[in-house]
N, C-alpha and C. Protein backbone atom coordinates (compact mmCIF):
# COMPACT_ATOMS: atom_id res chain seq x y z
N UNK A 1 12.97 18.49 -23.23
CA UNK A 1 13.32 19.90 -23.29
C UNK A 1 13.07 20.51 -21.89
N UNK A 2 14.07 21.14 -21.31
CA UNK A 2 13.94 21.73 -19.98
C UNK A 2 13.38 23.12 -20.06
N UNK A 3 12.67 23.52 -18.99
CA UNK A 3 12.15 24.89 -18.94
C UNK A 3 13.28 25.88 -18.77
N UNK A 4 13.10 27.05 -19.37
CA UNK A 4 14.07 28.09 -19.25
C UNK A 4 14.13 28.59 -17.81
N UNK A 5 15.37 28.77 -17.33
CA UNK A 5 15.58 29.25 -15.97
C UNK A 5 15.25 30.75 -15.91
N UNK A 6 14.47 31.09 -14.89
CA UNK A 6 14.14 32.49 -14.68
C UNK A 6 14.32 32.77 -13.19
N UNK A 7 14.95 33.89 -12.84
CA UNK A 7 15.22 34.19 -11.44
C UNK A 7 14.48 35.44 -11.01
N UNK A 8 14.11 35.46 -9.71
CA UNK A 8 13.64 36.70 -9.13
C UNK A 8 14.86 37.51 -8.76
N UNK A 9 14.65 38.80 -8.42
CA UNK A 9 15.74 39.68 -8.05
C UNK A 9 16.45 39.06 -6.80
N UNK A 10 15.66 38.57 -5.85
CA UNK A 10 16.28 37.99 -4.64
C UNK A 10 17.12 36.81 -4.98
N UNK A 11 16.65 35.96 -5.90
CA UNK A 11 17.41 34.77 -6.28
C UNK A 11 18.68 35.14 -7.00
N UNK A 12 18.64 36.17 -7.82
CA UNK A 12 19.83 36.62 -8.55
C UNK A 12 20.87 37.13 -7.55
N UNK A 13 20.43 37.86 -6.56
CA UNK A 13 21.34 38.35 -5.51
C UNK A 13 21.93 37.17 -4.74
N UNK A 14 21.14 36.12 -4.50
CA UNK A 14 21.61 34.96 -3.80
C UNK A 14 22.71 34.24 -4.59
N UNK A 15 22.57 34.21 -5.90
CA UNK A 15 23.59 33.60 -6.75
C UNK A 15 24.92 34.32 -6.59
N UNK A 16 24.87 35.64 -6.68
CA UNK A 16 26.09 36.44 -6.47
C UNK A 16 26.68 36.26 -5.09
N UNK A 17 25.82 36.23 -4.09
CA UNK A 17 26.26 36.08 -2.72
C UNK A 17 26.95 34.71 -2.51
N UNK A 18 26.34 33.68 -3.10
CA UNK A 18 26.85 32.33 -2.95
C UNK A 18 28.24 32.24 -3.66
N UNK A 19 28.37 32.87 -4.81
CA UNK A 19 29.64 32.83 -5.54
C UNK A 19 30.72 33.47 -4.71
N UNK A 20 30.38 34.58 -4.02
CA UNK A 20 31.38 35.28 -3.26
C UNK A 20 31.74 34.58 -1.93
N UNK A 21 30.69 34.05 -1.24
CA UNK A 21 30.91 33.55 0.10
C UNK A 21 31.26 32.07 0.11
N UNK A 22 30.47 31.22 -0.58
CA UNK A 22 30.74 29.80 -0.56
C UNK A 22 31.88 29.41 -1.52
N UNK A 23 31.87 29.99 -2.73
CA UNK A 23 32.88 29.62 -3.70
C UNK A 23 34.17 30.47 -3.56
N UNK A 24 34.04 31.59 -2.91
CA UNK A 24 35.20 32.43 -2.72
C UNK A 24 35.61 33.23 -3.97
N UNK A 25 34.66 33.42 -4.92
CA UNK A 25 35.00 34.21 -6.10
C UNK A 25 34.96 35.66 -5.79
N UNK A 26 36.02 36.38 -6.10
CA UNK A 26 35.98 37.87 -5.84
C UNK A 26 34.88 38.49 -6.67
N UNK A 27 34.16 39.44 -6.05
CA UNK A 27 33.09 40.11 -6.76
C UNK A 27 33.63 40.89 -7.95
N UNK A 28 34.84 41.34 -7.89
CA UNK A 28 35.47 42.06 -9.03
C UNK A 28 35.62 41.09 -10.23
N UNK A 29 35.90 39.80 -9.94
CA UNK A 29 35.98 38.83 -11.04
C UNK A 29 34.64 38.65 -11.69
N UNK A 30 33.56 38.61 -10.92
CA UNK A 30 32.23 38.51 -11.50
C UNK A 30 31.95 39.68 -12.38
N UNK A 31 32.32 40.90 -11.90
CA UNK A 31 32.08 42.10 -12.71
C UNK A 31 32.86 42.03 -14.02
N UNK A 32 34.14 41.58 -13.92
CA UNK A 32 34.93 41.50 -15.17
C UNK A 32 34.33 40.52 -16.16
N UNK A 33 33.81 39.39 -15.65
CA UNK A 33 33.20 38.39 -16.57
C UNK A 33 31.94 38.98 -17.16
N UNK A 34 31.14 39.72 -16.38
CA UNK A 34 29.96 40.34 -16.94
C UNK A 34 30.33 41.37 -18.01
N UNK A 35 31.32 42.20 -17.70
CA UNK A 35 31.75 43.20 -18.66
C UNK A 35 32.26 42.61 -19.95
N UNK A 36 32.98 41.51 -19.87
CA UNK A 36 33.50 40.87 -21.10
C UNK A 36 32.35 40.38 -21.98
N UNK A 37 31.31 39.82 -21.35
CA UNK A 37 30.15 39.40 -22.11
C UNK A 37 29.41 40.57 -22.76
N UNK A 38 29.30 41.64 -22.04
CA UNK A 38 28.68 42.86 -22.62
C UNK A 38 29.47 43.30 -23.84
N UNK A 39 30.80 43.37 -23.70
CA UNK A 39 31.64 43.86 -24.79
C UNK A 39 31.51 42.99 -26.03
N UNK A 40 31.46 41.66 -25.81
CA UNK A 40 31.31 40.77 -26.99
C UNK A 40 30.02 41.08 -27.75
N UNK A 41 28.95 41.18 -27.06
CA UNK A 41 27.67 41.45 -27.75
C UNK A 41 27.62 42.87 -28.31
N UNK A 42 28.17 43.83 -27.61
CA UNK A 42 28.16 45.21 -28.13
C UNK A 42 28.97 45.31 -29.42
N UNK A 43 30.06 44.59 -29.47
CA UNK A 43 30.93 44.64 -30.68
C UNK A 43 30.24 44.01 -31.89
N UNK A 44 29.21 43.19 -31.67
CA UNK A 44 28.46 42.66 -32.80
C UNK A 44 27.55 43.74 -33.41
N UNK A 45 27.30 44.81 -32.67
CA UNK A 45 26.38 45.86 -33.09
C UNK A 45 27.06 47.03 -33.77
N UNK A 46 28.35 47.18 -33.56
CA UNK A 46 29.07 48.33 -34.17
C UNK A 46 30.47 48.44 -33.64
N UNK A 47 31.11 49.55 -33.97
CA UNK A 47 32.50 49.72 -33.56
C UNK A 47 32.77 51.07 -32.83
N UNK A 48 31.71 51.82 -32.53
CA UNK A 48 31.81 53.02 -31.72
C UNK A 48 30.75 52.93 -30.63
N UNK A 49 31.07 53.40 -29.44
CA UNK A 49 30.16 53.11 -28.32
C UNK A 49 30.00 54.33 -27.43
N UNK A 50 28.79 54.54 -26.95
CA UNK A 50 28.47 55.55 -25.95
C UNK A 50 27.95 54.80 -24.72
N UNK A 51 28.66 54.93 -23.60
CA UNK A 51 28.29 54.20 -22.40
C UNK A 51 27.69 55.19 -21.41
N UNK A 52 26.44 54.93 -21.03
CA UNK A 52 25.80 55.73 -19.96
C UNK A 52 25.82 54.84 -18.71
N UNK A 53 26.59 55.25 -17.74
CA UNK A 53 26.81 54.43 -16.54
C UNK A 53 26.24 55.08 -15.30
N UNK A 54 25.64 54.28 -14.44
CA UNK A 54 25.20 54.76 -13.13
C UNK A 54 26.28 54.63 -12.08
N UNK A 55 25.87 54.90 -10.84
CA UNK A 55 26.82 54.93 -9.75
C UNK A 55 26.97 53.60 -9.00
N UNK A 56 26.18 52.59 -9.43
CA UNK A 56 26.23 51.32 -8.77
C UNK A 56 27.01 50.26 -9.56
N UNK A 57 26.75 49.00 -9.22
CA UNK A 57 27.49 47.91 -9.89
C UNK A 57 27.09 47.75 -11.36
N UNK A 58 25.89 48.12 -11.72
CA UNK A 58 25.53 48.09 -13.12
C UNK A 58 26.38 49.07 -13.89
N UNK A 59 26.63 50.27 -13.33
CA UNK A 59 27.52 51.20 -13.91
C UNK A 59 28.97 50.68 -13.95
N UNK A 60 29.37 49.93 -12.90
CA UNK A 60 30.70 49.32 -12.89
C UNK A 60 30.87 48.35 -14.01
N UNK A 61 29.79 47.59 -14.32
CA UNK A 61 29.88 46.70 -15.52
C UNK A 61 30.16 47.47 -16.78
N UNK A 62 29.48 48.62 -16.91
CA UNK A 62 29.67 49.43 -18.10
C UNK A 62 31.03 50.06 -18.21
N UNK A 63 31.59 50.50 -17.06
CA UNK A 63 32.91 51.05 -17.04
C UNK A 63 33.94 49.98 -17.40
N UNK A 64 33.79 48.80 -16.89
CA UNK A 64 34.71 47.70 -17.19
C UNK A 64 34.60 47.31 -18.67
N UNK A 65 33.35 47.32 -19.17
CA UNK A 65 33.15 46.95 -20.59
C UNK A 65 33.94 47.86 -21.54
N UNK A 66 34.10 49.10 -21.10
CA UNK A 66 34.85 50.07 -21.97
C UNK A 66 36.25 49.62 -22.24
N UNK A 67 36.88 49.05 -21.20
CA UNK A 67 38.28 48.50 -21.38
C UNK A 67 38.27 47.35 -22.38
N UNK A 68 37.27 46.48 -22.27
CA UNK A 68 37.24 45.35 -23.18
C UNK A 68 36.89 45.73 -24.60
N UNK A 69 36.16 46.84 -24.77
CA UNK A 69 35.80 47.32 -26.07
C UNK A 69 36.92 48.12 -26.73
N UNK A 70 37.77 48.68 -25.87
CA UNK A 70 38.79 49.63 -26.34
C UNK A 70 38.36 51.02 -26.01
N UNK A 71 39.03 51.63 -25.02
CA UNK A 71 38.56 52.95 -24.53
C UNK A 71 38.58 54.03 -25.58
N UNK A 72 39.43 53.88 -26.59
CA UNK A 72 39.48 54.87 -27.68
C UNK A 72 38.22 54.89 -28.50
N UNK A 73 37.43 53.83 -28.41
CA UNK A 73 36.19 53.72 -29.21
C UNK A 73 34.97 54.05 -28.36
N UNK A 74 35.18 54.47 -27.13
CA UNK A 74 34.07 54.71 -26.19
C UNK A 74 34.00 56.13 -25.75
N UNK A 75 32.77 56.66 -25.71
CA UNK A 75 32.50 57.92 -24.98
C UNK A 75 31.78 57.49 -23.71
N UNK A 76 32.37 57.82 -22.52
CA UNK A 76 31.89 57.34 -21.28
C UNK A 76 31.29 58.51 -20.51
N UNK A 77 30.00 58.37 -20.16
CA UNK A 77 29.28 59.39 -19.43
C UNK A 77 28.72 58.78 -18.19
N UNK A 78 29.06 59.34 -17.03
CA UNK A 78 28.72 58.80 -15.75
C UNK A 78 27.67 59.67 -15.07
N UNK A 79 26.55 59.10 -14.76
CA UNK A 79 25.49 59.86 -14.11
C UNK A 79 25.92 60.46 -12.80
N UNK A 80 26.63 59.71 -11.99
CA UNK A 80 27.17 60.17 -10.73
C UNK A 80 28.35 59.20 -10.36
N UNK A 81 29.27 59.68 -9.57
CA UNK A 81 30.42 58.85 -9.25
C UNK A 81 29.98 57.79 -8.16
N UNK A 82 30.54 56.59 -8.29
CA UNK A 82 30.20 55.54 -7.31
C UNK A 82 30.70 55.92 -5.93
N UNK A 83 29.95 55.55 -4.93
CA UNK A 83 30.38 55.69 -3.54
C UNK A 83 31.21 54.43 -3.18
N UNK A 84 32.47 54.62 -2.87
CA UNK A 84 33.38 53.51 -2.62
C UNK A 84 32.89 52.66 -1.49
N UNK A 85 32.17 53.16 -0.51
CA UNK A 85 31.67 52.37 0.57
C UNK A 85 30.51 51.47 0.17
N UNK A 86 29.67 51.93 -0.77
CA UNK A 86 28.51 51.18 -1.15
C UNK A 86 28.77 50.34 -2.39
N UNK A 87 29.58 50.79 -3.31
CA UNK A 87 29.86 50.10 -4.53
C UNK A 87 31.34 50.11 -4.80
N UNK A 88 32.09 49.33 -3.99
CA UNK A 88 33.57 49.44 -4.11
C UNK A 88 34.09 48.95 -5.45
N UNK A 89 33.47 47.95 -6.06
CA UNK A 89 33.96 47.44 -7.34
C UNK A 89 33.76 48.48 -8.44
N UNK A 90 32.61 49.13 -8.43
CA UNK A 90 32.35 50.19 -9.47
C UNK A 90 33.36 51.35 -9.21
N UNK A 91 33.56 51.69 -8.00
CA UNK A 91 34.54 52.78 -7.69
C UNK A 91 35.94 52.44 -8.16
N UNK A 92 36.31 51.17 -8.02
CA UNK A 92 37.63 50.73 -8.50
C UNK A 92 37.73 50.75 -10.01
N UNK A 93 36.65 50.39 -10.69
CA UNK A 93 36.64 50.46 -12.16
C UNK A 93 36.85 51.89 -12.62
N UNK A 94 36.27 52.87 -11.89
CA UNK A 94 36.43 54.26 -12.25
C UNK A 94 37.89 54.68 -12.01
N UNK A 95 38.47 54.26 -10.91
CA UNK A 95 39.86 54.62 -10.61
C UNK A 95 40.77 54.07 -11.66
N UNK A 96 40.55 52.82 -12.10
CA UNK A 96 41.37 52.24 -13.16
C UNK A 96 41.38 53.07 -14.41
N UNK A 97 40.19 53.47 -14.82
CA UNK A 97 40.10 54.23 -16.06
C UNK A 97 40.77 55.58 -15.92
N UNK A 98 40.55 56.25 -14.76
CA UNK A 98 41.19 57.54 -14.60
C UNK A 98 42.71 57.46 -14.47
N UNK A 99 43.17 56.34 -13.85
CA UNK A 99 44.64 56.17 -13.80
C UNK A 99 45.25 55.97 -15.16
N UNK A 100 44.45 55.42 -16.06
CA UNK A 100 44.91 55.23 -17.44
C UNK A 100 44.72 56.48 -18.31
N UNK A 101 44.15 57.56 -17.73
CA UNK A 101 43.98 58.78 -18.48
C UNK A 101 42.78 58.79 -19.38
N UNK A 102 41.82 57.88 -19.13
CA UNK A 102 40.66 57.81 -19.98
C UNK A 102 39.68 58.97 -19.60
N UNK A 103 39.23 59.75 -20.58
CA UNK A 103 38.30 60.83 -20.27
C UNK A 103 36.89 60.27 -19.91
N UNK A 104 36.37 60.78 -18.82
CA UNK A 104 35.02 60.37 -18.37
C UNK A 104 34.28 61.66 -18.01
N UNK A 105 33.10 61.77 -18.52
CA UNK A 105 32.26 62.93 -18.25
C UNK A 105 31.30 62.56 -17.14
N UNK A 106 31.25 63.38 -16.09
CA UNK A 106 30.37 63.08 -14.96
C UNK A 106 29.23 64.08 -14.92
N UNK A 107 27.99 63.57 -14.85
CA UNK A 107 26.83 64.41 -14.64
C UNK A 107 26.33 65.15 -15.86
N UNK A 108 26.85 64.82 -17.04
CA UNK A 108 26.45 65.52 -18.25
C UNK A 108 26.19 64.52 -19.35
N UNK A 109 25.03 64.58 -19.96
CA UNK A 109 24.72 63.69 -21.11
C UNK A 109 25.53 64.03 -22.31
N UNK A 110 25.79 63.05 -23.18
CA UNK A 110 26.49 63.38 -24.42
C UNK A 110 25.57 64.11 -25.44
N UNK A 111 26.21 64.80 -26.34
CA UNK A 111 25.48 65.37 -27.43
C UNK A 111 25.12 64.29 -28.42
N UNK A 112 23.83 63.97 -28.59
CA UNK A 112 23.50 62.81 -29.43
C UNK A 112 23.85 63.02 -30.90
N UNK A 113 23.93 64.27 -31.36
CA UNK A 113 24.27 64.51 -32.75
C UNK A 113 25.73 64.14 -33.05
N UNK A 114 26.57 64.12 -32.01
CA UNK A 114 27.99 63.79 -32.21
C UNK A 114 28.23 62.27 -32.24
N UNK A 115 27.17 61.47 -31.95
CA UNK A 115 27.37 60.06 -31.83
C UNK A 115 26.33 59.27 -32.64
N UNK A 116 25.80 59.87 -33.71
CA UNK A 116 24.83 59.16 -34.53
C UNK A 116 25.46 57.86 -35.10
N UNK A 117 24.73 56.79 -34.94
CA UNK A 117 25.23 55.52 -35.46
C UNK A 117 26.04 54.73 -34.49
N UNK A 118 26.46 55.36 -33.40
CA UNK A 118 27.20 54.60 -32.38
C UNK A 118 26.27 53.64 -31.66
N UNK A 119 26.87 52.65 -31.00
CA UNK A 119 26.12 51.74 -30.17
C UNK A 119 25.99 52.38 -28.80
N UNK A 120 24.77 52.48 -28.32
CA UNK A 120 24.47 53.06 -27.03
C UNK A 120 24.30 51.96 -25.99
N UNK A 121 25.05 52.07 -24.90
CA UNK A 121 25.05 51.03 -23.87
C UNK A 121 24.43 51.60 -22.60
N UNK A 122 23.33 50.99 -22.17
CA UNK A 122 22.62 51.37 -20.96
C UNK A 122 23.22 50.55 -19.76
N UNK A 123 24.02 51.23 -18.96
CA UNK A 123 24.55 50.62 -17.72
C UNK A 123 24.22 51.50 -16.55
N UNK A 124 22.99 52.00 -16.54
CA UNK A 124 22.55 52.99 -15.55
C UNK A 124 22.06 52.33 -14.25
N UNK A 125 21.05 51.48 -14.36
CA UNK A 125 20.45 50.87 -13.14
C UNK A 125 20.25 49.37 -13.40
N UNK A 126 20.49 48.59 -12.40
CA UNK A 126 20.34 47.14 -12.50
C UNK A 126 19.03 46.63 -11.99
N UNK A 127 19.05 45.33 -11.63
CA UNK A 127 17.80 44.67 -11.23
C UNK A 127 17.34 45.13 -9.80
N UNK A 128 18.21 45.78 -9.04
CA UNK A 128 17.87 46.19 -7.74
C UNK A 128 16.97 47.41 -7.67
N UNK A 129 16.76 48.07 -8.79
CA UNK A 129 15.94 49.32 -8.80
C UNK A 129 14.48 48.97 -8.38
N UNK A 130 13.97 49.70 -7.39
CA UNK A 130 12.60 49.45 -6.97
C UNK A 130 11.83 50.76 -6.69
N UNK A 131 12.37 51.86 -7.20
CA UNK A 131 11.70 53.14 -7.01
C UNK A 131 11.53 53.81 -8.35
N UNK A 132 10.53 54.74 -8.42
CA UNK A 132 10.25 55.46 -9.66
C UNK A 132 11.41 56.40 -9.95
N UNK A 133 11.81 56.44 -11.23
CA UNK A 133 12.89 57.33 -11.65
C UNK A 133 12.34 58.72 -11.80
N UNK A 134 13.12 59.69 -11.27
CA UNK A 134 12.73 61.09 -11.40
C UNK A 134 13.99 61.88 -11.71
N UNK A 135 13.81 63.14 -12.01
CA UNK A 135 14.97 64.05 -12.16
C UNK A 135 15.98 63.61 -13.17
N UNK A 136 17.24 63.73 -12.82
CA UNK A 136 18.31 63.42 -13.78
C UNK A 136 18.30 61.95 -14.15
N UNK A 137 17.99 61.08 -13.28
CA UNK A 137 17.96 59.64 -13.56
C UNK A 137 16.98 59.35 -14.67
N UNK A 138 15.79 59.95 -14.60
CA UNK A 138 14.80 59.71 -15.66
C UNK A 138 15.26 60.37 -16.94
N UNK A 139 15.84 61.54 -16.85
CA UNK A 139 16.29 62.26 -18.04
C UNK A 139 17.32 61.41 -18.79
N UNK A 140 18.21 60.75 -18.07
CA UNK A 140 19.23 59.96 -18.76
C UNK A 140 18.64 58.74 -19.40
N UNK A 141 17.65 58.10 -18.82
CA UNK A 141 16.96 56.98 -19.43
C UNK A 141 16.23 57.47 -20.70
N UNK A 142 15.57 58.59 -20.64
CA UNK A 142 14.84 59.11 -21.79
C UNK A 142 15.77 59.50 -22.88
N UNK A 143 16.99 60.04 -22.54
CA UNK A 143 17.96 60.41 -23.57
C UNK A 143 18.47 59.17 -24.27
N UNK A 144 18.69 58.10 -23.54
CA UNK A 144 19.10 56.84 -24.12
C UNK A 144 18.12 56.43 -25.20
N UNK A 145 16.85 56.45 -24.85
CA UNK A 145 15.80 56.02 -25.79
C UNK A 145 15.74 56.92 -27.03
N UNK A 146 16.05 58.19 -26.90
CA UNK A 146 15.97 59.11 -28.06
C UNK A 146 17.17 58.97 -28.99
N UNK A 147 18.24 58.41 -28.47
CA UNK A 147 19.48 58.35 -29.24
C UNK A 147 19.33 57.52 -30.50
N UNK A 148 20.07 57.91 -31.56
CA UNK A 148 20.04 57.17 -32.81
C UNK A 148 21.21 56.18 -32.86
N UNK A 149 20.89 54.94 -33.07
CA UNK A 149 21.90 53.88 -33.15
C UNK A 149 21.45 52.65 -32.41
N UNK A 150 22.13 51.54 -32.60
CA UNK A 150 21.75 50.29 -31.90
C UNK A 150 21.91 50.50 -30.39
N UNK A 151 21.08 49.82 -29.62
CA UNK A 151 21.06 49.98 -28.16
C UNK A 151 21.20 48.62 -27.47
N UNK A 152 22.04 48.62 -26.45
CA UNK A 152 22.25 47.42 -25.64
C UNK A 152 22.08 47.79 -24.17
N UNK A 153 21.34 46.98 -23.45
CA UNK A 153 21.10 47.16 -22.03
C UNK A 153 21.88 46.10 -21.21
N UNK A 154 22.46 46.54 -20.13
CA UNK A 154 23.26 45.65 -19.30
C UNK A 154 22.39 45.10 -18.17
N UNK A 155 22.25 43.80 -18.15
CA UNK A 155 21.50 42.99 -17.19
C UNK A 155 20.01 43.12 -17.32
N UNK A 156 19.47 44.35 -17.33
CA UNK A 156 18.06 44.61 -17.49
C UNK A 156 17.93 46.06 -17.96
N UNK A 157 16.96 46.36 -18.80
CA UNK A 157 16.78 47.76 -19.20
C UNK A 157 16.53 48.63 -17.98
N UNK A 158 17.28 49.69 -17.85
CA UNK A 158 17.15 50.57 -16.71
C UNK A 158 15.75 51.12 -16.63
N UNK A 159 15.16 51.08 -15.41
CA UNK A 159 13.79 51.53 -15.19
C UNK A 159 12.78 50.41 -15.22
N UNK A 160 13.18 49.21 -15.57
CA UNK A 160 12.25 48.08 -15.63
C UNK A 160 12.37 47.31 -14.30
N UNK A 161 11.26 47.04 -13.64
CA UNK A 161 11.28 46.34 -12.39
C UNK A 161 11.65 44.86 -12.64
N UNK A 162 12.68 44.43 -11.90
CA UNK A 162 13.22 43.08 -12.18
C UNK A 162 12.27 41.94 -11.88
N UNK A 163 11.27 42.13 -11.02
CA UNK A 163 10.35 41.08 -10.70
C UNK A 163 9.03 41.14 -11.46
N UNK A 164 8.56 42.35 -11.67
CA UNK A 164 7.19 42.55 -12.22
C UNK A 164 7.18 42.99 -13.69
N UNK A 165 8.26 43.56 -14.17
CA UNK A 165 8.30 44.07 -15.53
C UNK A 165 7.60 45.42 -15.66
N UNK A 166 7.22 46.02 -14.52
CA UNK A 166 6.62 47.32 -14.54
C UNK A 166 7.68 48.42 -14.85
N UNK A 167 7.19 49.47 -15.52
CA UNK A 167 8.07 50.64 -15.81
C UNK A 167 8.05 51.55 -14.61
N UNK A 168 9.22 51.85 -14.10
CA UNK A 168 9.32 52.68 -12.94
C UNK A 168 9.53 54.16 -13.34
N UNK A 169 8.52 54.71 -13.90
CA UNK A 169 8.56 56.10 -14.42
C UNK A 169 8.96 56.17 -15.86
N UNK A 170 10.11 55.58 -16.19
CA UNK A 170 10.59 55.51 -17.53
C UNK A 170 11.56 54.31 -17.59
N UNK A 171 11.63 53.72 -18.75
CA UNK A 171 12.56 52.56 -18.88
C UNK A 171 13.17 52.54 -20.27
N UNK A 172 14.40 52.07 -20.31
CA UNK A 172 15.13 51.96 -21.59
C UNK A 172 14.54 50.86 -22.42
N UNK A 173 14.68 51.06 -23.76
CA UNK A 173 14.30 50.05 -24.73
C UNK A 173 15.60 49.60 -25.40
N UNK A 174 15.94 48.35 -25.30
CA UNK A 174 17.14 47.85 -25.92
C UNK A 174 16.85 46.99 -27.15
N UNK A 175 17.75 47.02 -28.11
CA UNK A 175 17.70 46.07 -29.23
C UNK A 175 18.20 44.72 -28.68
N UNK A 176 19.15 44.81 -27.76
CA UNK A 176 19.74 43.61 -27.13
C UNK A 176 19.87 43.90 -25.63
N UNK A 177 19.59 42.89 -24.84
CA UNK A 177 19.89 42.95 -23.40
C UNK A 177 20.77 41.78 -23.03
N UNK A 178 21.92 42.08 -22.44
CA UNK A 178 22.80 41.04 -21.95
C UNK A 178 22.54 40.89 -20.46
N UNK A 179 21.97 39.77 -20.06
CA UNK A 179 21.69 39.50 -18.67
C UNK A 179 22.58 38.38 -18.20
N UNK A 180 22.62 38.20 -16.91
CA UNK A 180 23.62 37.32 -16.32
C UNK A 180 23.00 36.14 -15.57
N UNK A 181 23.53 34.98 -15.84
CA UNK A 181 23.14 33.68 -15.23
C UNK A 181 21.80 33.20 -15.77
N UNK A 182 20.75 34.05 -15.70
CA UNK A 182 19.43 33.68 -16.20
C UNK A 182 18.60 34.94 -16.38
N UNK A 183 17.55 34.83 -17.17
CA UNK A 183 16.63 35.95 -17.28
C UNK A 183 16.00 36.20 -15.92
N UNK A 184 15.54 37.48 -15.74
CA UNK A 184 14.84 37.82 -14.51
C UNK A 184 13.34 37.85 -14.78
N UNK A 185 12.58 37.64 -13.74
CA UNK A 185 11.12 37.48 -13.93
C UNK A 185 10.47 38.61 -14.71
N UNK A 186 10.87 39.86 -14.41
CA UNK A 186 10.26 40.97 -15.08
C UNK A 186 10.59 41.02 -16.58
N UNK A 187 11.65 40.37 -16.99
CA UNK A 187 12.05 40.38 -18.43
C UNK A 187 11.17 39.50 -19.27
N UNK A 188 10.53 38.51 -18.66
CA UNK A 188 9.73 37.57 -19.45
C UNK A 188 8.25 37.93 -19.50
N UNK A 189 7.89 39.06 -18.84
CA UNK A 189 6.50 39.58 -19.01
C UNK A 189 6.40 40.20 -20.37
N UNK A 190 5.19 40.37 -20.88
CA UNK A 190 5.04 40.99 -22.17
C UNK A 190 5.68 42.38 -22.24
N UNK A 191 5.47 43.18 -21.23
CA UNK A 191 6.05 44.53 -21.21
C UNK A 191 7.59 44.44 -21.10
N UNK A 192 8.07 43.54 -20.28
CA UNK A 192 9.51 43.40 -20.15
C UNK A 192 10.14 42.96 -21.40
N UNK A 193 9.52 42.05 -22.12
CA UNK A 193 10.08 41.58 -23.39
C UNK A 193 10.18 42.67 -24.44
N UNK A 194 9.21 43.55 -24.44
CA UNK A 194 9.25 44.67 -25.38
C UNK A 194 10.40 45.60 -25.13
N UNK A 195 10.75 45.75 -23.84
CA UNK A 195 11.88 46.63 -23.49
C UNK A 195 13.23 45.99 -23.71
N UNK A 196 13.28 44.68 -23.60
CA UNK A 196 14.56 43.96 -23.65
C UNK A 196 15.08 43.75 -25.04
N UNK A 197 14.21 43.56 -26.03
CA UNK A 197 14.69 43.15 -27.35
C UNK A 197 15.22 41.73 -27.29
N UNK A 198 16.23 41.43 -28.04
CA UNK A 198 16.84 40.10 -27.96
C UNK A 198 17.63 39.93 -26.69
N UNK A 199 17.41 38.88 -26.00
CA UNK A 199 18.08 38.66 -24.73
C UNK A 199 19.19 37.63 -24.87
N UNK A 200 20.40 37.98 -24.44
CA UNK A 200 21.50 37.06 -24.41
C UNK A 200 21.86 36.80 -22.97
N UNK A 201 21.81 35.54 -22.57
CA UNK A 201 22.11 35.14 -21.16
C UNK A 201 23.60 34.75 -21.14
N UNK A 202 24.36 35.47 -20.33
CA UNK A 202 25.78 35.24 -20.19
C UNK A 202 26.08 34.61 -18.83
N UNK A 203 26.98 33.61 -18.80
CA UNK A 203 27.43 33.16 -17.54
C UNK A 203 28.45 34.10 -16.93
N UNK A 204 28.70 33.87 -15.66
CA UNK A 204 29.70 34.70 -14.92
C UNK A 204 30.91 33.89 -14.53
N UNK A 205 31.13 32.78 -15.23
CA UNK A 205 32.27 31.91 -14.90
C UNK A 205 31.99 31.02 -13.66
N UNK A 206 30.70 30.90 -13.31
CA UNK A 206 30.36 30.06 -12.19
C UNK A 206 30.49 28.57 -12.54
N UNK A 207 30.86 27.72 -11.62
CA UNK A 207 30.93 26.29 -11.94
C UNK A 207 29.49 25.78 -12.22
N UNK A 208 29.39 25.09 -13.33
CA UNK A 208 28.09 24.50 -13.72
C UNK A 208 27.93 23.09 -13.11
N UNK A 209 26.72 22.78 -12.70
CA UNK A 209 26.48 21.44 -12.17
C UNK A 209 25.47 20.72 -13.04
């Protein structure tokens, strides 16, 4: 029996970098593969979805997942718009949805009473988060936790440190966390495990050896 693979944040970044540079896989393809895996697991939890998306690539995963779930079944709320220079793939995902006429609410949380029983998807912050959440960012994480309905976190619960499992001010609690390639070190700590719920490890279409 082999030991479960666990990656540090730096190692997870290196996997993505290697896929893009050595293998020549477009980063947008990696995002699409991640989003498809999120959609598959989210659909196991229900048929209506509230997506809370951040401005980075974790948010891009959530925006892309909306297309795979069916945009008519999704309420999409964006904490802030992606910066095309810093997160070009996330910015492109937003442009695709807007070009299709999909309504997206920016900077405003959903009314939780209007979405009772829906599946809530946390696509706010990924494994790169290393600062304490304050202000609106913390408010969105706390709103996710208060919402009624099944909860799914994308890659790692927002607010959880990817290496240590420490809570950076506030952190989402998921019933399910869909992470990519391998669990991250912070997820296998006792505190991390409590926030993650059931963890599903999804591949990104990388060649296996």
